[in-house]
Structures are given as C-alpha cells and as structure tokens.
C-alpha atoms as a PDB file:
ATOM      1  CA  MET A   1    -240.673 -10.808  -1.604  1.00  0.00           C
ATOM      2  CA  LYS A   2    -238.776 -10.693  -4.761  1.00  0.00           C
ATOM      3  CA  CYS A   3    -235.998  -7.714  -4.019  1.00  0.00           C
ATOM      4  CA  ALA A   4    -234.315  -6.299  -7.082  1.00  0.00           C
ATOM      5  CA  PHE A   5    -230.420  -6.619  -5.966  1.00  0.00           C
ATOM      6  CA  CYS A   6    -231.349 -10.207  -4.650  1.00  0.00           C
ATOM      7  CA  ASN A   7    -230.833 -13.348  -6.683  1.00  0.00           C
ATOM      8  CA  VAL A   8    -231.960 -15.724  -4.336  1.00  0.00           C
ATOM      9  CA  TRP A   9    -235.789 -15.798  -4.826  1.00  0.00           C
ATOM     10  CA  ARG A  10    -234.833 -16.398  -8.479  1.00  0.00           C
ATOM     11  CA  LYS A  11    -234.038 -20.175  -8.466  1.00  0.00           C
ATOM     12  CA  ASN A  12    -234.976 -22.174  -5.370  1.00  0.00           C
ATOM     13  CA  ILE A  13    -232.172 -24.798  -5.142  1.00  0.00           C
ATOM     14  CA  PHE A  14    -233.539 -26.093  -2.167  1.00  0.00           C
ATOM     15  CA  GLU A  15    -236.978 -27.767  -2.634  1.00  0.00           C
ATOM     16  CA  ASN A  16    -237.008 -30.155   0.434  1.00  0.00           C
ATOM     17  CA  GLU A  17    -235.821 -28.078   3.775  1.00  0.00           C
ATOM     18  CA  ALA A  18    -234.623 -30.057   6.664  1.00  0.00           C
ATOM     19  CA  THR A  19    -237.209 -31.267   9.012  1.00  0.00           C
ATOM     20  CA  THR A  20    -237.047 -29.858  12.183  1.00  0.00           C
ATOM     21  CA  PRO A  21    -235.007 -32.397  14.416  1.00  0.00           C
ATOM     22  CA  GLU A  22    -232.519 -32.619  11.486  1.00  0.00           C
ATOM     23  CA  LEU A  23    -231.887 -28.905  11.859  1.00  0.00           C
ATOM     24  CA  LYS A  24    -232.056 -29.114  16.225  1.00  0.00           C
ATOM     25  CA  HIS A  25    -229.221 -31.469  15.275  1.00  0.00           C
ATOM     26  CA  ARG A  26    -227.402 -29.363  12.706  1.00  0.00           C
ATOM     27  CA  LEU A  27    -227.372 -26.510  15.559  1.00  0.00           C
ATOM     28  CA  LEU A  28    -226.731 -28.976  18.278  1.00  0.00           C
ATOM     29  CA  GLU A  29    -223.088 -30.058  16.725  1.00  0.00           C
ATOM     30  CA  CYS A  30    -222.595 -26.263  16.241  1.00  0.00           C
ATOM     31  CA  TRP A  31    -223.167 -25.757  19.455  1.00  0.00           C
ATOM     32  CA  ASP A  32    -220.798 -28.561  20.654  1.00  0.00           C
ATOM     33  CA  LEU A  33    -218.399 -27.046  18.089  1.00  0.00           C
ATOM     34  CA  GLY A  34    -217.754 -23.882  19.922  1.00  0.00           C
ATOM     35  CA  CYS A  35    -220.411 -21.271  17.763  1.00  0.00           C
ATOM     36  CA  SER A  36    -221.630 -18.811  20.463  1.00  0.00           C
ATOM     37  CA  VAL A  37    -224.295 -16.903  17.951  1.00  0.00           C
ATOM     38  CA  ALA A  38    -226.463 -18.235  15.575  1.00  0.00           C
ATOM     39  CA  SER A  39    -228.520 -16.269  12.737  1.00  0.00           C
ATOM     40  CA  PHE A  40    -231.221 -17.159  11.243  1.00  0.00           C
ATOM     41  CA  THR A  41    -231.943 -15.885   7.810  1.00  0.00           C
ATOM     42  CA  GLY A  42    -232.823 -16.181   4.117  1.00  0.00           C
ATOM     43  CA  GLY A  43    -234.683 -15.874   2.103  1.00  0.00           C
ATOM     44  CA  GLU A  44    -237.719 -15.307   4.328  1.00  0.00           C
ATOM     45  CA  PRO A  45    -236.939 -17.408   7.887  1.00  0.00           C
ATOM     46  CA  LEU A  46    -240.484 -16.749   9.179  1.00  0.00           C
ATOM     47  CA  LEU A  47    -242.648 -18.487   6.501  1.00  0.00           C
ATOM     48  CA  ARG A  48    -240.991 -22.025   8.315  1.00  0.00           C
ATOM     49  CA  LYS A  49    -244.241 -22.635  10.675  1.00  0.00           C
ATOM     50  CA  ASP A  50    -241.096 -24.533  13.060  1.00  0.00           C
ATOM     51  CA  LEU A  51    -239.643 -21.051  13.578  1.00  0.00           C
ATOM     52  CA  GLY A  52    -240.388 -20.361  17.031  1.00  0.00           C
ATOM     53  CA  LYS A  53    -239.006 -24.291  18.174  1.00  0.00           C
ATOM     54  CA  LEU A  54    -235.855 -23.722  16.800  1.00  0.00           C
ATOM     55  CA  LEU A  55    -235.146 -20.381  17.925  1.00  0.00           C
ATOM     56  CA  GLU A  56    -236.697 -21.610  21.008  1.00  0.00           C
ATOM     57  CA  PHE A  57    -233.983 -24.742  21.114  1.00  0.00           C
ATOM     58  CA  SER A  58    -230.996 -22.046  19.755  1.00  0.00           C
ATOM     59  CA  SER A  59    -231.508 -19.663  22.465  1.00  0.00           C
ATOM     60  CA  ARG A  60    -233.089 -21.515  25.496  1.00  0.00           C
ATOM     61  CA  LYS A  61    -231.605 -25.162  25.181  1.00  0.00           C
ATOM     62  CA  LEU A  62    -228.449 -24.205  23.740  1.00  0.00           C
ATOM     63  CA  GLY A  63    -227.473 -20.265  24.824  1.00  0.00           C
ATOM     64  CA  LEU A  64    -226.670 -19.283  21.715  1.00  0.00           C
ATOM     65  CA  PHE A  65    -226.947 -15.563  20.806  1.00  0.00           C
ATOM     66  CA  THR A  66    -230.062 -16.080  18.860  1.00  0.00           C
ATOM     67  CA  GLY A  67    -230.361 -13.086  16.336  1.00  0.00           C
ATOM     68  CA  LEU A  68    -232.692 -13.273  12.865  1.00  0.00           C
ATOM     69  CA  VAL A  69    -233.379 -11.019  10.417  1.00  0.00           C
ATOM     70  CA  THR A  70    -237.023 -10.895   8.305  1.00  0.00           C
ATOM     71  CA  ASN A  71    -238.811  -8.437   5.998  1.00  0.00           C
ATOM     72  CA  GLY A  72    -241.556  -7.592   8.050  1.00  0.00           C
ATOM     73  CA  ILE A  73    -244.544  -8.932   6.509  1.00  0.00           C
ATOM     74  CA  LEU A  74    -245.438 -12.060   8.464  1.00  0.00           C
ATOM     75  CA  LEU A  75    -243.476  -9.964  11.826  1.00  0.00           C
ATOM     76  CA  ASP A  76    -246.825  -9.471  13.431  1.00  0.00           C
ATOM     77  CA  LYS A  77    -248.487 -13.146  12.914  1.00  0.00           C
ATOM     78  CA  LYS A  78    -244.375 -14.273  14.594  1.00  0.00           C
ATOM     79  CA  ILE A  79    -243.777 -11.416  17.356  1.00  0.00           C
ATOM     80  CA  ASP A  80    -244.559 -13.513  20.728  1.00  0.00           C
ATOM     81  CA  GLU A  81    -242.291 -16.378  19.176  1.00  0.00           C
ATOM     82  CA  LEU A  82    -239.444 -13.676  18.090  1.00  0.00           C
ATOM     83  CA  SER A  83    -239.913 -11.669  20.927  1.00  0.00           C
ATOM     84  CA  LYS A  84    -238.959 -14.348  23.266  1.00  0.00           C
ATOM     85  CA  TYR A  85    -236.469 -16.304  21.785  1.00  0.00           C
ATOM     86  CA  THR A  86    -234.386 -13.885  19.747  1.00  0.00           C
ATOM     87  CA  ASP A  87    -231.428 -11.379  21.321  1.00  0.00           C
ATOM     88  CA  ALA A  88    -231.210  -9.478  18.367  1.00  0.00           C
ATOM     89  CA  LEU A  89    -234.207  -8.828  15.725  1.00  0.00           C
ATOM     90  CA  ALA A  90    -233.750  -6.958  12.346  1.00  0.00           C
ATOM     91  CA  VAL A  91    -236.272  -5.878  10.177  1.00  0.00           C
ATOM     92  CA  SER A  92    -234.912  -4.783   6.279  1.00  0.00           C
ATOM     93  CA  PHE A  93    -236.679  -1.561   5.738  1.00  0.00           C
ATOM     94  CA  ASP A  94    -234.821   0.545   2.731  1.00  0.00           C
ATOM     95  CA  VAL A  95    -236.315   3.139   2.655  1.00  0.00           C
ATOM     96  CA  ASN A  96    -239.576   5.360   4.045  1.00  0.00           C
ATOM     97  CA  HIS A  97    -240.666   6.055   0.629  1.00  0.00           C
ATOM     98  CA  LYS A  98    -243.904   3.697  -0.799  1.00  0.00           C
ATOM     99  CA  GLN A  99    -243.135   4.075  -4.439  1.00  0.00           C
ATOM    100  CA  THR A 100    -239.825   3.222  -4.136  1.00  0.00           C
ATOM    101  CA  PHE A 101    -240.143   0.685  -1.386  1.00  0.00           C
ATOM    102  CA  ASN A 102    -242.639  -1.259  -2.996  1.00  0.00           C
ATOM    103  CA  ARG A 103    -240.582  -1.150  -6.230  1.00  0.00           C
ATOM    104  CA  THR A 104    -237.184  -2.375  -4.559  1.00  0.00           C
ATOM    105  CA  ARG A 105    -238.907  -5.260  -3.087  1.00  0.00           C
ATOM    106  CA  GLY A 106    -241.208  -6.224  -5.848  1.00  0.00           C
ATOM    107  CA  VAL A 107    -244.149  -6.277  -3.555  1.00  0.00           C
ATOM    108  CA  ASN A 108    -246.715  -4.218  -2.428  1.00  0.00           C
ATOM    109  CA  ALA A 109    -245.568  -4.188   1.213  1.00  0.00           C
ATOM    110  CA  PHE A 110    -244.707  -0.887   2.083  1.00  0.00           C
ATOM    111  CA  GLU A 111    -247.649  -0.013   4.510  1.00  0.00           C
ATOM    112  CA  ARG A 112    -247.864  -3.631   6.306  1.00  0.00           C
ATOM    113  CA  VAL A 113    -244.311  -3.520   6.975  1.00  0.00           C
ATOM    114  CA  LYS A 114    -243.485   0.198   8.551  1.00  0.00           C
ATOM    115  CA  LYS A 115    -247.016  -0.904  10.709  1.00  0.00           C
ATOM    116  CA  ASN A 116    -245.570  -4.230  11.857  1.00  0.00           C
ATOM    117  CA  ILE A 117    -241.961  -2.241  12.572  1.00  0.00           C
ATOM    118  CA  THR A 118    -244.010   0.323  14.631  1.00  0.00           C
ATOM    119  CA  TYR A 119    -247.046  -2.096  16.179  1.00  0.00           C
ATOM    120  CA  ALA A 120    -243.421  -4.684  17.422  1.00  0.00           C
ATOM    121  CA  LYS A 121    -242.154  -1.077  18.742  1.00  0.00           C
ATOM    122  CA  ARG A 122    -245.227  -0.281  20.437  1.00  0.00           C
ATOM    123  CA  LEU A 123    -244.899  -3.572  22.548  1.00  0.00           C
ATOM    124  CA  GLY A 124    -241.598  -2.879  23.692  1.00  0.00           C
ATOM    125  CA  VAL A 125    -239.713  -5.217  21.678  1.00  0.00           C
ATOM    126  CA  GLU A 126    -236.428  -4.405  20.623  1.00  0.00           C
ATOM    127  CA  LEU A 127    -235.608  -4.763  16.983  1.00  0.00           C
ATOM    128  CA  GLU A 128    -233.501  -2.535  14.069  1.00  0.00           C
ATOM    129  CA  LEU A 129    -234.270  -1.395  10.403  1.00  0.00           C
ATOM    130  CA  LEU A 130    -231.669  -2.828   8.061  1.00  0.00           C
ATOM    131  CA  SER A 131    -231.349  -0.452   4.761  1.00  0.00           C
ATOM    132  CA  VAL A 132    -229.271  -0.415   1.254  1.00  0.00           C
ATOM    133  CA  ILE A 133    -228.578   1.965   0.060  1.00  0.00           C
ATOM    134  CA  THR A 134    -228.714   2.254  -3.758  1.00  0.00           C
ATOM    135  CA  ASN A 135    -229.041   5.377  -5.837  1.00  0.00           C
ATOM    136  CA  GLU A 136    -233.224   4.849  -5.933  1.00  0.00           C
ATOM    137  CA  THR A 137    -233.463   4.972  -2.068  1.00  0.00           C
ATOM    138  CA  PHE A 138    -230.297   7.298  -1.261  1.00  0.00           C
ATOM    139  CA  PRO A 139    -232.231  11.038  -2.104  1.00  0.00           C
ATOM    140  CA  PHE A 140    -234.850   9.711   0.606  1.00  0.00           C
ATOM    141  CA  ILE A 141    -232.151   8.928   3.736  1.00  0.00           C
ATOM    142  CA  ASP A 142    -233.831  11.704   5.416  1.00  0.00           C
ATOM    143  CA  ASP A 143    -237.488  10.646   5.363  1.00  0.00           C
ATOM    144  CA  THR A 144    -235.578   7.005   6.647  1.00  0.00           C
ATOM    145  CA  ILE A 145    -233.639   8.712   9.004  1.00  0.00           C
ATOM    146  CA  GLU A 146    -236.622   9.959  10.287  1.00  0.00           C
ATOM    147  CA  PHE A 147    -238.468   6.726  10.143  1.00  0.00           C
ATOM    148  CA  ALA A 148    -236.306   5.218  12.523  1.00  0.00           C
ATOM    149  CA  LYS A 149    -235.675   8.568  15.200  1.00  0.00           C
ATOM    150  CA  SER A 150    -239.803   8.903  15.280  1.00  0.00           C
ATOM    151  CA  LEU A 151    -238.833   4.875  17.040  1.00  0.00           C
ATOM    152  CA  GLU A 152    -236.388   5.765  18.395  1.00  0.00           C
ATOM    153  CA  LEU A 153    -234.396   2.537  16.126  1.00  0.00           C
ATOM    154  CA  PRO A 154    -230.917   2.015  15.370  1.00  0.00           C
ATOM    155  CA  ILE A 155    -230.941   1.429  11.505  1.00  0.00           C
ATOM    156  CA  HIS A 156    -227.687   0.055   9.960  1.00  0.00           C
ATOM    157  CA  PHE A 157    -226.974   1.118   6.012  1.00  0.00           C
ATOM    158  CA  SER A 158    -225.222  -1.029   4.020  1.00  0.00           C
ATOM    159  CA  PRO A 159    -224.312  -0.437   0.372  1.00  0.00           C
ATOM    160  CA  VAL A 160    -226.149  -2.349  -2.299  1.00  0.00           C
ATOM    161  CA  ASP A 161    -224.055  -5.035  -3.436  1.00  0.00           C
ATOM    162  CA  ASN A 162    -224.335  -7.405  -6.476  1.00  0.00           C
ATOM    163  CA  VAL A 163    -223.960 -10.923  -4.180  1.00  0.00           C
ATOM    164  CA  PRO A 164    -222.692 -13.838  -6.115  1.00  0.00           C
ATOM    165  CA  ARG A 165    -223.810 -17.066  -5.848  1.00  0.00           C
ATOM    166  CA  GLU A 166    -222.972 -19.855  -7.793  1.00  0.00           C
ATOM    167  CA  PHE A 167    -226.143 -20.998  -8.902  1.00  0.00           C
ATOM    168  CA  VAL A 168    -227.464 -17.510 -10.212  1.00  0.00           C
ATOM    169  CA  ASP A 169    -225.578 -14.235 -10.793  1.00  0.00           C
ATOM    170  CA  GLU A 170    -228.725 -12.525 -12.482  1.00  0.00           C
ATOM    171  CA  SER A 171    -229.638  -9.206 -10.022  1.00  0.00           C
ATOM    172  CA  GLU A 172    -230.174  -5.878 -10.905  1.00  0.00           C
ATOM    173  CA  ALA A 173    -227.707  -4.607  -7.919  1.00  0.00           C
ATOM    174  CA  GLN A 174    -224.650  -3.318 -10.598  1.00  0.00           C
ATOM    175  CA  LYS A 175    -227.152  -0.422 -11.904  1.00  0.00           C
ATOM    176  CA  LEU A 176    -228.255   0.283  -8.520  1.00  0.00           C
ATOM    177  CA  LYS A 177    -225.013   0.949  -7.498  1.00  0.00           C
ATOM    178  CA  ILE A 178    -224.131   4.711  -6.047  1.00  0.00           C
ATOM    179  CA  ASP A 179    -220.871   5.517  -7.680  1.00  0.00           C
ATOM    180  CA  GLU A 180    -220.250   8.335  -5.306  1.00  0.00           C
ATOM    181  CA  THR A 181    -219.023   6.714  -2.122  1.00  0.00           C
ATOM    182  CA  GLY A 182    -217.598   9.652  -0.537  1.00  0.00           C
ATOM    183  CA  LYS A 183    -221.305  11.497  -0.858  1.00  0.00           C
ATOM    184  CA  VAL A 184    -222.846   8.447   1.011  1.00  0.00           C
ATOM    185  CA  LEU A 185    -220.126   8.524   4.390  1.00  0.00           C
ATOM    186  CA  LYS A 186    -220.141  12.164   4.296  1.00  0.00           C
ATOM    187  CA  LYS A 187    -223.590  12.127   4.892  1.00  0.00           C
ATOM    188  CA  LEU A 188    -223.510   8.941   6.958  1.00  0.00           C
ATOM    189  CA  ASN A 189    -221.087  11.145   9.082  1.00  0.00           C
ATOM    190  CA  GLU A 190    -223.143  13.950   9.193  1.00  0.00           C
ATOM    191  CA  GLU A 191    -226.293  12.528  10.327  1.00  0.00           C
ATOM    192  CA  LYS A 192    -224.696  10.692  12.759  1.00  0.00           C
ATOM    193  CA  ARG A 193    -223.743  13.227  14.611  1.00  0.00           C
ATOM    194  CA  LYS A 194    -227.892  14.117  15.197  1.00  0.00           C
ATOM    195  CA  TYR A 195    -228.483  10.273  15.841  1.00  0.00           C
ATOM    196  CA  LYS A 196    -226.124   8.124  17.545  1.00  0.00           C
ATOM    197  CA  LYS A 197    -228.072   4.937  16.770  1.00  0.00           C
ATOM    198  CA  ILE A 198    -227.228   5.191  12.733  1.00  0.00           C
ATOM    199  CA  HIS A 199    -224.825   2.862  12.501  1.00  0.00           C
ATOM    200  CA  PHE A 200    -222.825   2.075   9.194  1.00  0.00           C
ATOM    201  CA  GLU A 201    -219.064   0.011   8.477  1.00  0.00           C
ATOM    202  CA  SER A 202    -216.960   2.983   6.921  1.00  0.00           C
ATOM    203  CA  ASP A 203    -214.339   0.811   6.103  1.00  0.00           C
ATOM    204  CA  TYR A 204    -216.259  -1.427   4.634  1.00  0.00           C
ATOM    205  CA  PHE A 205    -217.479   1.118   2.367  1.00  0.00           C
ATOM    206  CA  ASN A 206    -213.803   2.281   1.790  1.00  0.00           C
ATOM    207  CA  PHE A 207    -212.944  -1.486   1.053  1.00  0.00           C
ATOM    208  CA  ARG A 208    -216.262  -2.191  -1.402  1.00  0.00           C
ATOM    209  CA  SER A 209    -214.864   0.924  -3.693  1.00  0.00           C
ATOM    210  CA  SER A 210    -211.840  -0.303  -3.636  1.00  0.00           C
ATOM    211  CA  GLY A 211    -212.924  -4.105  -4.935  1.00  0.00           C
ATOM    212  CA  GLY A 212    -213.930  -5.425  -1.766  1.00  0.00           C
ATOM    213  CA  PHE A 213    -211.269  -6.726   1.457  1.00  0.00           C
ATOM    214  CA  SER A 214    -207.887  -5.031   1.699  1.00  0.00           C
ATOM    215  CA  ASN A 215    -204.856  -6.804   2.121  1.00  0.00           C
ATOM    216  CA  THR A 216    -205.118  -6.237   5.170  1.00  0.00           C
ATOM    217  CA  ILE A 217    -208.358  -7.860   5.503  1.00  0.00           C
ATOM    218  CA  ARG A 218    -208.874 -11.169   4.133  1.00  0.00           C
ATOM    219  CA  CYS A 219    -211.954 -13.040   4.212  1.00  0.00           C
ATOM    220  CA  ALA A 220    -212.098 -15.600   7.004  1.00  0.00           C
ATOM    221  CA  SER A 221    -215.586 -17.060   6.492  1.00  0.00           C
ATOM    222  CA  ALA A 222    -214.813 -20.542   6.314  1.00  0.00           C
ATOM    223  CA  SER A 223    -213.050 -20.409   9.853  1.00  0.00           C
ATOM    224  CA  THR A 224    -215.760 -18.468  11.992  1.00  0.00           C
ATOM    225  CA  THR A 225    -218.817 -19.203  10.151  1.00  0.00           C
ATOM    226  CA  ILE A 226    -220.669 -22.607   9.707  1.00  0.00           C
ATOM    227  CA  SER A 227    -222.920 -21.765   7.159  1.00  0.00           C
ATOM    228  CA  LEU A 228    -226.111 -23.827   7.418  1.00  0.00           C
ATOM    229  CA  LYS A 229    -228.317 -24.405   4.718  1.00  0.00           C
ATOM    230  CA  PRO A 230    -231.856 -24.893   4.493  1.00  0.00           C
ATOM    231  CA  ASP A 231    -232.004 -28.396   3.454  1.00  0.00           C
ATOM    232  CA  ALA A 232    -229.578 -28.765   6.992  1.00  0.00           C
ATOM    233  CA  SER A 233    -226.019 -29.428   4.772  1.00  0.00           C
ATOM    234  CA  VAL A 234    -223.038 -27.484   5.472  1.00  0.00           C
ATOM    235  CA  ALA A 235    -221.677 -25.021   2.783  1.00  0.00           C
ATOM    236  CA  LEU A 236    -217.734 -24.449   2.784  1.00  0.00           C
ATOM    237  CA  PRO A 237    -216.204 -21.816   2.134  1.00  0.00           C
ATOM    238  CA  CYS A 238    -218.806 -19.460   2.525  1.00  0.00           C
ATOM    239  CA  PRO A 239    -222.815 -19.349   2.094  1.00  0.00           C
ATOM    240  CA  PHE A 240    -222.401 -17.997  -1.464  1.00  0.00           C
ATOM    241  CA  PHE A 241    -220.152 -20.256  -2.926  1.00  0.00           C
ATOM    242  CA  THR A 242    -219.736 -24.164  -2.424  1.00  0.00           C
ATOM    243  CA  LEU A 243    -216.202 -26.057  -2.606  1.00  0.00           C
ATOM    244  CA  MET A 244    -217.311 -28.600  -0.361  1.00  0.00           C
ATOM    245  CA  LYS A 245    -220.407 -30.186   0.598  1.00  0.00           C
ATOM    246  CA  ILE A 246    -221.350 -31.082   4.000  1.00  0.00           C
ATOM    247  CA  LYS A 247    -224.652 -33.548   3.366  1.00  0.00           C
ATOM    248  CA  LYS A 248    -226.906 -33.743   5.879  1.00  0.00           C
ATOM    249  CA  GLY A 249    -225.970 -36.668   8.188  1.00  0.00           C
ATOM    250  CA  GLU A 250    -222.424 -36.352   7.955  1.00  0.00           C
ATOM    251  CA  ASN A 251    -220.850 -36.138  11.132  1.00  0.00           C
ATOM    252  CA  LEU A 252    -220.094 -31.841  10.992  1.00  0.00           C
ATOM    253  CA  ARG A 253    -216.903 -32.223  13.043  1.00  0.00           C
ATOM    254  CA  ASN A 254    -215.209 -35.493  11.579  1.00  0.00           C
ATOM    255  CA  ARG A 255    -216.038 -33.590   8.119  1.00  0.00           C
ATOM    256  CA  LEU A 256    -214.765 -30.343   8.657  1.00  0.00           C
ATOM    257  CA  LYS A 257    -211.289 -32.406  10.181  1.00  0.00           C
ATOM    258  CA  SER A 258    -210.505 -33.977   6.834  1.00  0.00           C
ATOM    259  CA  GLU A 259    -207.830 -32.594   4.719  1.00  0.00           C
ATOM    260  CA  LYS A 260    -210.217 -30.988   2.472  1.00  0.00           C
ATOM    261  CA  ALA A 261    -211.604 -28.812   5.139  1.00  0.00           C
ATOM    262  CA  ARG A 262    -208.549 -27.660   6.100  1.00  0.00           C
ATOM    263  CA  LYS A 263    -207.266 -26.734   2.900  1.00  0.00           C
ATOM    264  CA  ILE A 264    -210.451 -24.617   1.844  1.00  0.00           C
ATOM    265  CA  ILE A 265    -210.119 -22.994   5.710  1.00  0.00           C
ATOM    266  CA  GLU A 266    -206.430 -22.285   4.523  1.00  0.00           C
ATOM    267  CA  GLN A 267    -207.332 -20.931   1.053  1.00  0.00           C
ATOM    268  CA  CYS A 268    -210.575 -18.986   2.373  1.00  0.00           C
ATOM    269  CA  GLY A 269    -210.404 -15.305   0.790  1.00  0.00           C
ATOM    270  CA  LYS A 270    -207.503 -16.766  -2.481  1.00  0.00           C
ATOM    271  CA  TRP A 271    -209.520 -17.687  -4.897  1.00  0.00           C
ATOM    272  CA  ASP A 272    -211.038 -15.877  -8.112  1.00  0.00           C
ATOM    273  CA  PHE A 273    -214.529 -15.287  -6.947  1.00  0.00           C
ATOM    274  CA  CYS A 274    -213.133 -14.245  -3.746  1.00  0.00           C
ATOM    275  CA  LYS A 275    -211.755 -10.771  -5.480  1.00  0.00           C
ATOM    276  CA  TYR A 276    -214.002  -8.509  -5.697  1.00  0.00           C
ATOM    277  CA  CYS A 277    -216.639  -9.562  -3.008  1.00  0.00           C
ATOM    278  CA  SER A 278    -217.689  -7.202   0.000  1.00  0.00           C
ATOM    279  CA  ILE A 279    -220.188  -8.691   1.406  1.00  0.00           C
ATOM    280  CA  ASN A 280    -221.226  -6.995   4.494  1.00  0.00           C
ATOM    281  CA  CYS A 281    -221.856 -10.309   6.480  1.00  0.00           C
ATOM    282  CA  MET A 282    -218.471 -11.574   6.314  1.00  0.00           C
ATOM    283  CA  TYR A 283    -216.527  -8.805   6.095  1.00  0.00           C
ATOM    284  CA  VAL A 284    -218.157  -8.805   9.730  1.00  0.00           C
ATOM    285  CA  VAL A 285    -217.012 -11.945  11.165  1.00  0.00           C
ATOM    286  CA  SER A 286    -213.554 -11.762   9.296  1.00  0.00           C
ATOM    287  CA  LEU A 287    -212.844  -8.501  11.679  1.00  0.00           C
ATOM    288  CA  VAL A 288    -212.530 -11.638  14.616  1.00  0.00           C
ATOM    289  CA  LYS A 289    -209.061 -11.781  13.382  1.00  0.00           C
ATOM    290  CA  HIS A 290    -208.645  -8.309  13.730  1.00  0.00           C
ATOM    291  CA  PRO A 291    -208.921  -6.669  17.075  1.00  0.00           C
ATOM    292  CA  TYR A 292    -208.004  -2.983  16.187  1.00  0.00           C
ATOM    293  CA  PHE A 293    -210.861  -2.993  13.473  1.00  0.00           C
ATOM    294  CA  LEU A 294    -213.564  -5.106  15.699  1.00  0.00           C
ATOM    295  CA  ILE A 295    -212.955  -2.810  18.680  1.00  0.00           C
ATOM    296  CA  ARG A 296    -213.605   0.112  15.954  1.00  0.00           C
ATOM    297  CA  TRP A 297    -217.141  -1.878  15.290  1.00  0.00           C
ATOM    298  CA  ILE A 298    -218.338  -2.716  18.609  1.00  0.00           C
ATOM    299  CA  LYS A 299    -217.548   0.887  19.787  1.00  0.00           C
ATOM    300  CA  ASP A 300    -219.610   2.145  16.726  1.00  0.00           C
ATOM    301  CA  LYS A 301    -222.473  -0.134  17.785  1.00  0.00           C
ATOM    302  CA  PHE A 302    -222.830   1.483  21.420  1.00  0.00           C
END
C-alpha cells in the first residue's frame, strides 16, 4: 500500500533486512531484558516469508504476548500462522467505502481486504479493526461501524497524524486532519453507547488537539519500548527518531547501560522533535508510568 498519510513507503532505508536468526537473537535479548510484549508492525510484516517462524519464536518459545498489525491484503495467505502464533491481530480498515478506501490507501484493495477480514472471522480468528479518522473517512463512519458490528469485531479509532520521521517528512496527513476534534469525540461517544466494542483514547484526542503530550504525560518510549528495525538495529529514543543506533551484532544490554543511552532515556520527551508529537502507540506505552490513565485505558478495552 501507499497510504496518503504515511511516509514509510516513500523511502526505503532498510534495503538489507536482517535474517531470521538475527531477528530471533534480538527478540531473545528483548526477552532477557524483561520485555513482555512483541508487536510486529510495518510497513507490512506479512511480506516477510519467515514471519511464521518469527511469530512462533516470539509467542511459543519466549512466551511474549505477540501482536501484529497488517493491511489485510495477504491475510488469507498467512491465516494459519497468524491464528496459531498471535495473541492480538489487528487489520487496518479505515472506511467502509470503496472509493475513499482505495484513494486513501493508494491501491485498489478494498474488496480483497474486506473479504479477507470476513474470511478470518468466519474461521474463528480473533481480530480487531484499526480505523484512521480523516476528513475523508469521517463522513462514512456510520457505515464503517456497521461493518464492524456485522462481524462483531472490535474497532479502534484514532485521528490521522503527520508522523514525523528523520528520513522523510512528506505525507498528506496535514491536509487530511479534522479540525473539529470535539465533533469527532461527541460522535464516538454516542456510538460507543450503542456498540461497546468501539474503542478510542479520548485523552489522546484531547492531547493531540492541544499539541501532543501534556505536562502530565510525557513520552516514555525510550524507557518502555525497544524499537527494533528491519535490519536488526535498535533505535533510541523511539521508532521515529534516532539519536543513538545500536547496530546489529552489538550487545543490547551493554549498549543500553551506556552513558549515552541513559541520558537519552532521561531526556525522552524533551527534544524539539517531541514538542508536537501525538503518536498513538507512543502515548499508550507512556501510560505505564501513569496508573490512573492506564487503568482508564484498560477499562475502556474491556
């Protein structure tokens, strides 16, 4: 896919991806450091031919809670591996409207993705939908919710964000944003009263409209998350900006104990590029240090 609001596909800086043993070794190091969750994202993780082996190693060998996010195009081809070795499977499905979906995602894949989601559900595979709200998808939100309801699937809504990356800033996210955050929240709250499997972080929406993380919740990505790259390197402080790169073959534990790494962890959330960050996944992991907000988030999920 070539999603309008994404910039990953615009420049491939990982032409030489790591081998299966190299990635398994990194996962083992993460487990040894105390990691309990592994999240396979992309790009598109289902493009890796060894994905089943990596998922099995993560889930069965290491006992990590293993999640994966896919665009759904190859879902039917990998369904056996995903059903066996993932604890949480999410499919990106922004809008139940063919033309808008295909335009936003940059490929003619609406029918295939929708068919694959239905196929997986009928096989008994547990999955949820991830929907990015833009000014183009919001008018069709009722239809999108109805599709989720028809399959009794959880659906998680998040606002589109212009995710900053050190290697390319280009995306169409800014022009796709909805200015009326209050209108979106009102609609989501109304629909959640009718369908409990609708999920969204209202605090995150509010923090986003005010310029990202608040003074109360500062980004804690560097101390909560190991950002493992396709070449088996690790980036600090987060998946989006690299102030320190732990190269493939370097001992992860030793490098994280270095003075440079400790300073980055201490300063996380204070750099200029952090100022207007409101990236959903980084917000969620940062709640670990804020029990009240974390409990609210968990409560919403269940």
